[in-house]
Protein backbone atom coordinates (compact mmCIF):
# COMPACT_ATOMS: atom_id res chain seq x y z
CA UNK A 1 0.00 0.00 0.00
CA UNK A 2 1.48 3.34 -1.06
CA UNK A 3 -1.04 5.86 0.30
CA UNK A 4 -1.04 7.38 3.78
CA UNK A 5 -4.14 7.63 5.98
CA UNK A 6 -4.91 10.32 8.55
CA UNK A 7 -7.93 10.55 10.77
CA UNK A 8 -9.65 10.81 14.12
CA UNK A 9 -11.63 8.35 16.22
CA UNK A 10 -14.31 9.55 18.65
CA UNK A 11 -15.61 7.71 21.72
CA UNK A 12 -18.64 8.83 23.71
CA UNK A 13 -19.24 7.73 27.30
CA UNK A 14 -22.52 8.02 29.18
CA UNK A 15 -22.42 6.96 32.86
CA UNK A 16 -19.32 4.86 32.27
CA UNK A 17 -15.57 5.03 32.81
CA UNK A 18 -13.61 4.87 29.57
CA UNK A 19 -10.07 4.97 30.97
CA UNK A 20 -9.49 5.07 34.72
CA UNK A 21 -6.26 5.83 36.54
CA UNK A 22 -5.08 3.82 39.57
CA UNK A 23 -7.46 5.76 41.84
CA UNK A 24 -10.45 4.67 39.75
CA UNK A 25 -11.16 8.18 38.45
CA UNK A 26 -11.03 9.09 34.75
CA UNK A 27 -7.42 9.59 33.66
CA UNK A 28 -6.39 13.24 33.58
CA UNK A 29 -3.37 15.48 33.09
CA UNK A 30 -1.75 17.47 35.92
CA UNK A 31 -3.96 20.45 35.08
CA UNK A 32 -7.15 18.38 35.22
CA UNK A 33 -7.80 17.78 31.53
CA UNK A 34 -9.44 14.36 31.06
CA UNK A 35 -7.99 12.04 28.42
CA UNK A 36 -7.87 8.41 27.37
CA UNK A 37 -4.63 6.62 26.52
CA UNK A 38 -3.97 4.95 23.18
CA UNK A 39 -3.85 1.61 25.06
CA UNK A 40 -7.49 2.08 26.13
CA UNK A 41 -8.53 2.32 22.48
CA UNK A 42 -6.23 -0.40 21.18
CA UNK A 43 -7.48 -3.00 23.66
CA UNK A 44 -11.09 -3.33 22.35
CA UNK A 45 -9.72 -3.29 18.80
CA UNK A 46 -7.39 -6.18 19.61
CA UNK A 47 -10.19 -7.96 21.47
CA UNK A 48 -12.43 -7.73 18.41
CA UNK A 49 -9.67 -9.10 16.19
CA UNK A 50 -9.13 -11.98 18.60
CA UNK A 51 -12.86 -12.74 18.69
CA UNK A 52 -12.83 -12.79 14.88
CA UNK A 53 -10.16 -15.51 14.89
CA UNK A 54 -7.16 -13.32 14.10
CA UNK A 55 -3.76 -13.92 15.71
CA UNK A 56 -3.18 -11.32 18.43
CA UNK A 57 0.07 -11.46 20.42
CA UNK A 58 -0.14 -8.49 22.78
CA UNK A 59 -3.29 -9.27 24.70
CA UNK A 60 -3.78 -10.79 28.13
CA UNK A 61 -4.30 -14.56 28.16
CA UNK A 62 -4.47 -16.87 31.16
CA UNK A 63 -3.22 -20.32 32.07
CA UNK A 64 -3.45 -22.62 35.07
CA UNK A 65 -0.24 -22.85 37.13
CA UNK A 66 0.38 -25.83 39.39
CA UNK A 67 2.55 -25.68 42.50
CA UNK A 68 3.13 -29.39 43.19
CA UNK A 69 4.97 -28.73 46.46
CA UNK A 70 2.01 -26.88 47.93
CA UNK A 71 -0.55 -28.84 45.89
CA UNK A 72 -2.06 -25.56 44.66
CA UNK A 73 -3.40 -24.61 41.23
CA UNK A 74 -3.81 -20.92 40.44
CA UNK A 75 -4.84 -18.82 37.45
CA UNK A 76 -2.00 -16.62 36.15
CA UNK A 77 -1.37 -14.50 33.02
CA UNK A 78 0.95 -15.96 30.37
CA UNK A 79 4.36 -14.37 29.88
CA UNK A 80 5.23 -12.98 26.45
CA UNK A 81 7.33 -16.09 25.78
CA UNK A 82 4.41 -18.36 26.72
CA UNK A 83 1.98 -16.34 24.62
CA UNK A 84 4.28 -16.55 21.60
CA UNK A 85 4.70 -20.33 22.03
CA UNK A 86 0.96 -20.81 22.40
CA UNK A 87 0.00 -18.67 19.42
CA UNK A 88 2.57 -20.02 16.97
CA UNK A 89 2.60 -23.61 18.26
CA UNK A 90 6.27 -23.45 19.33
CA UNK A 91 7.47 -26.02 21.89
CA UNK A 92 10.21 -23.79 23.30
CA UNK A 93 11.30 -20.36 22.08
CA UNK A 94 14.82 -21.09 23.37
CA UNK A 95 15.25 -23.61 20.56
CA UNK A 96 14.53 -21.01 17.87
CA UNK A 97 17.87 -19.61 16.68
CA UNK A 98 16.53 -17.98 13.50
CA UNK A 99 15.42 -14.38 14.15
CA UNK A 100 13.85 -14.15 10.69
CA UNK A 101 11.44 -16.92 11.66
CA UNK A 102 10.43 -14.98 14.78
CA UNK A 103 9.93 -11.83 12.68
CA UNK A 104 7.76 -13.67 10.15
CA UNK A 105 5.62 -15.07 12.94
CA UNK A 106 5.23 -11.67 14.58
CA UNK A 107 4.26 -10.01 11.30
CA UNK A 108 1.60 -12.68 10.78
CA UNK A 109 -0.22 -11.35 13.87
CA UNK A 110 -2.72 -8.61 13.06
CA UNK A 111 -1.91 -6.47 16.13
CA UNK A 112 1.82 -6.47 15.36
CA UNK A 113 1.12 -5.72 11.68
CA UNK A 114 -0.81 -2.62 12.70
CA UNK A 115 0.65 -1.41 16.00
CA UNK A 116 4.19 -2.85 15.95
CA UNK A 117 5.90 -4.70 18.79
CA UNK A 118 8.70 -4.78 21.34
CA UNK A 119 9.91 -8.37 21.65
CA UNK A 120 12.89 -9.06 23.90
CA UNK A 121 12.71 -12.75 24.69
CA UNK A 122 15.26 -15.60 24.64
CA UNK A 123 17.98 -13.96 22.57
CA UNK A 124 15.60 -12.11 20.23
CA UNK A 125 15.75 -8.36 20.75
CA UNK A 126 13.23 -7.04 18.23
CA UNK A 127 11.60 -3.62 17.93
CA UNK A 128 8.95 -2.96 15.28
CA UNK A 129 7.57 0.56 14.91
CA UNK A 130 3.92 0.16 13.94
CA UNK A 131 2.47 1.49 10.71
CA UNK A 132 -0.56 2.66 12.71
CA UNK A 133 0.14 5.29 15.35
CA UNK A 134 -2.68 6.41 17.66
CA UNK A 135 -2.28 9.47 19.90
CA UNK A 136 -3.90 10.35 23.22
CA UNK A 137 -7.64 11.01 23.11
CA UNK A 138 -8.67 14.18 24.94
CA UNK A 139 -12.19 14.83 26.18
CA UNK A 140 -13.79 17.64 24.18
CA UNK A 141 -16.85 18.10 26.40
CA UNK A 142 -16.44 20.92 28.90
CA UNK A 143 -19.37 19.81 31.08
CA UNK A 144 -17.78 16.54 32.20
CA UNK A 145 -18.57 15.46 35.78
CA UNK A 146 -17.68 12.39 37.82
CA UNK A 147 -20.19 10.30 39.76
CA UNK A 148 -19.49 7.80 42.54
CA UNK A 149 -21.82 4.86 43.14
CA UNK A 150 -21.70 2.78 46.31
CA UNK A 151 -21.99 -0.94 45.62
CA UNK A 152 -23.28 -3.43 48.18
CA UNK A 153 -21.68 -6.85 48.08
CA UNK A 154 -23.78 -9.96 48.81
CA UNK A 155 -20.92 -11.28 50.99
CA UNK A 156 -19.32 -10.21 54.24
CA UNK A 157 -15.57 -9.73 54.57
CA UNK A 158 -14.39 -13.25 55.34
CA UNK A 159 -10.98 -12.05 56.53
CA UNK A 160 -12.45 -10.70 59.77
CA UNK A 161 -13.93 -12.49 62.76
CA UNK A 162 -17.67 -12.02 62.27
CA UNK A 163 -18.39 -12.88 65.91
CA UNK A 164 -16.09 -10.23 67.43
CA UNK A 165 -16.29 -7.59 64.72
CA UNK A 166 -19.73 -6.03 64.17
CA UNK A 167 -18.56 -4.42 60.93
CA UNK A 168 -17.59 -7.81 59.52
CA UNK A 169 -21.16 -9.03 59.91
CA UNK A 170 -22.26 -6.56 57.26
CA UNK A 171 -21.77 -6.91 53.51
CA UNK A 172 -18.68 -5.17 52.18
CA UNK A 173 -19.00 -1.98 50.18
CA UNK A 174 -17.39 -1.15 46.86
CA UNK A 175 -17.35 1.98 44.72
CA UNK A 176 -18.02 2.38 41.02
CA UNK A 177 -16.79 5.65 39.52
CA UNK A 178 -18.20 6.88 36.20
CA UNK A 179 -18.24 9.98 34.04
CA UNK A 180 -21.76 11.30 33.59
CA UNK A 181 -20.83 12.23 30.02
CA UNK A 182 -17.57 12.60 28.10
CA UNK A 183 -16.50 12.72 24.46
CA UNK A 184 -12.96 11.62 23.62
CA UNK A 185 -11.26 12.34 20.28
CA UNK A 186 -8.16 10.39 19.22
CA UNK A 187 -5.83 11.23 16.32
CA UNK A 188 -4.23 8.51 14.21
CA UNK A 189 -1.96 8.20 11.20
CA UNK A 190 -1.06 5.18 9.05
CA UNK A 191 2.36 5.18 7.40
CA UNK A 192 2.88 1.97 5.34
CA UNK A 193 6.52 2.86 4.62
CA UNK A 194 7.34 2.10 8.28
CA UNK A 195 7.93 -1.52 7.23
CA UNK A 196 10.12 -0.89 4.18
CA UNK A 197 13.24 -2.16 5.97
CA UNK A 198 11.50 -5.39 6.99
CA UNK A 199 10.21 -5.88 3.43
CA UNK A 200 13.81 -5.80 2.21
CA UNK A 201 14.68 -8.47 4.79
CA UNK A 202 11.97 -10.69 3.32
CA UNK A 203 10.06 -11.16 6.59
CA UNK A 204 6.84 -9.35 5.55
CA UNK A 205 5.05 -8.21 2.42
CA UNK A 206 4.56 -4.81 4.07
CA UNK A 207 1.42 -3.05 5.21
CA UNK A 208 -1.38 -4.05 2.85
CA UNK A 209 -4.85 -2.87 1.94
CA UNK A 210 -6.23 -5.90 3.78
CA UNK A 211 -4.39 -4.85 6.97
CA UNK A 212 -5.86 -1.37 6.67
CA UNK A 213 -9.41 -2.67 6.11
CA UNK A 214 -9.17 -4.83 9.25
CA UNK A 215 -8.05 -1.80 11.24
CA UNK A 216 -10.74 0.37 9.70
CA UNK A 217 -13.58 -2.04 10.47
CA UNK A 218 -12.46 -2.65 14.05
CA UNK A 219 -11.63 0.97 14.85
CA UNK A 220 -15.14 2.21 14.09
CA UNK A 221 -17.05 -0.51 15.95
CA UNK A 222 -14.84 -2.22 18.58
CA UNK A 223 -15.69 0.14 21.45
CA UNK A 224 -19.42 -0.32 20.93
CA UNK A 225 -18.92 -4.10 20.75
CA UNK A 226 -16.77 -4.25 23.89
CA UNK A 227 -19.32 -4.08 26.70
CA UNK A 228 -17.76 -4.87 30.07
CA UNK A 229 -19.31 -3.56 33.28
CA UNK A 230 -17.21 -0.37 33.28
CA UNK A 231 -17.43 0.09 29.50
CA UNK A 232 -21.20 -0.26 29.05
CA UNK A 233 -22.14 3.23 27.88
CA UNK A 234 -18.96 3.66 25.84
CA UNK A 235 -19.59 3.80 22.10
CA UNK A 236 -17.89 4.69 18.83
CA UNK A 237 -19.44 7.99 17.81
CA UNK A 238 -17.00 9.29 15.19
CA UNK A 239 -14.46 7.83 12.77
CA UNK A 240 -12.80 9.82 9.98
CA UNK A 241 -10.48 8.25 7.39
CA UNK A 242 -8.57 10.58 5.05
CA UNK A 243 -6.62 8.71 2.38
CA UNK A 244 -3.84 10.80 0.84
CA UNK A 245 -0.90 10.49 -1.49
CA UNK A 246 2.20 9.21 0.29
CA UNK A 247 4.02 12.56 0.23
CA UNK A 248 1.30 14.59 1.97
CA UNK A 249 1.93 15.33 5.65
CA UNK A 250 -0.91 16.57 7.86
CA UNK A 251 -0.88 17.75 11.49
CA UNK A 252 -2.64 16.17 14.48
CA UNK A 253 -6.24 16.53 13.31
CA UNK A 254 -7.86 15.95 16.72
CA UNK A 255 -6.66 19.42 17.72
CA UNK A 256 -9.05 20.83 15.08
CA UNK A 257 -12.15 19.04 16.39
CA UNK A 258 -14.58 20.72 18.81
CA UNK A 259 -17.71 19.47 20.59
CA UNK A 260 -20.71 21.34 21.94
CA UNK A 261 -24.16 20.48 23.24
CA UNK A 262 -27.27 21.59 21.35
CA UNK A 263 -30.57 19.94 20.38
CA UNK A 264 -28.21 17.29 19.03
CA UNK A 265 -24.53 16.99 19.90
CA UNK A 266 -22.47 19.07 17.47
CA UNK A 267 -19.01 17.96 16.33
CA UNK A 268 -17.25 20.64 14.32
CA UNK A 269 -14.36 19.72 12.00
CA UNK A 270 -12.22 22.81 11.73
CA UNK A 271 -9.62 21.23 9.46
CA UNK A 272 -11.90 21.45 6.41
CA UNK A 273 -10.13 24.53 4.98
CA UNK A 274 -6.76 22.76 5.30
CA UNK A 275 -8.00 19.69 3.44
CA UNK A 276 -9.62 21.77 0.72
CA UNK A 277 -6.31 23.57 0.10
CA UNK A 278 -4.54 20.24 -0.56
CA UNK A 279 -7.47 18.49 -2.25
CA UNK A 280 -5.33 17.50 -5.25
CA UNK A 281 -3.34 15.19 -2.95
CA UNK A 282 -6.37 13.72 -1.17
CA UNK A 283 -7.77 10.47 -2.52
CA UNK A 284 -10.90 10.20 -0.35
CA UNK A 285 -12.52 11.40 2.88
CA UNK A 286 -14.96 9.18 4.76
CA UNK A 287 -16.79 10.38 7.89
CA UNK A 288 -18.63 7.86 10.06
CA UNK A 289 -20.78 9.22 12.89
CA UNK A 290 -23.90 8.60 14.97
CA UNK A 291 -26.63 10.54 13.11
CA UNK A 292 -29.24 9.81 15.81
CA UNK A 293 -27.47 11.90 18.43
CA UNK A 294 -24.94 13.97 16.53
CA UNK A 295 -24.52 16.56 13.79
CA UNK A 296 -21.14 16.90 12.06
CA UNK A 297 -20.28 20.42 10.88
CA UNK A 298 -17.87 20.33 7.95
CA UNK A 299 -17.31 21.69 4.45
CA UNK A 300 -14.78 19.18 3.09
CA UNK A 301 -14.90 18.88 -0.69
CA UNK A 302 -15.98 15.38 -1.74
CA UNK A 303 -16.39 14.02 1.80
CA UNK A 304 -18.79 11.09 2.18
CA UNK A 305 -20.80 10.69 5.38
CA UNK A 306 -21.89 7.31 6.76
CA UNK A 307 -23.93 5.96 9.66
CA UNK A 308 -21.30 4.48 11.99
CA UNK A 309 -23.62 1.63 13.03
CA UNK A 310 -25.11 0.62 9.66
CA UNK A 311 -22.27 1.76 7.33
CA UNK A 312 -24.95 3.22 5.05
CA UNK A 313 -24.36 6.62 3.45
CA UNK A 314 -26.17 9.47 5.17
């Protein structure tokens, strides 16, 4: 694939917590600006790929670990070495002395093909800069507020003596922290030439149209599909894909996106003048959004608008 792709991905959250810090509150900068990390967005994308039967290396997987001395079996996450051996049916990574074989295996995984990898295991020190780079997604809604919900457990705290401790007789309490409403906007860029060196080594065919289509499909629906307890209420609400000639370089487009509340939510794309000035180098512009709740303000020449849930043109 020769073209470059620029765009933004929008995530809306209603009474949910898109990306919490270690305190349980929505992640924020030192000056209080709420944002979501690229890892928060990549995870549901990788989960969707895995559910679709694709090979995904960098995702949590579990195994049972037996301690024969203590006669205990516990559930533990696999190490990177164990995940690699499981995914590529390798008995022992230590026995693999051919780095090109490891590279070929890694490039056959859809997450590595898109996001790259750092692989430092058993004599293989490999770093792959991904063709797809996703930035931090900042909340564009100024009216964000945080709500705390007290949760009553059906069980008492078994670590305390229920006879002596009155508190232990009661069910334990937990806390669920959610944002009443937030709207995150992530920038991304796809640079297929990132793999040119590996193509010359013969370990990959490079970033292909098929790789891009798998990213495109997952990136505009994976958040909606991924419905855990904390993520129910998180949805894909915006996805913009701008295909350009390989020599066109655009800035971080999420900085030119604003959000405001009205009868419907209004997302304003303020990079339309920039795109119109370089229209001769732009191959296509596709805008996916939620037309039931949102209006997209834009004047981009030739842009096509689609329903993000049905993929039908609006």
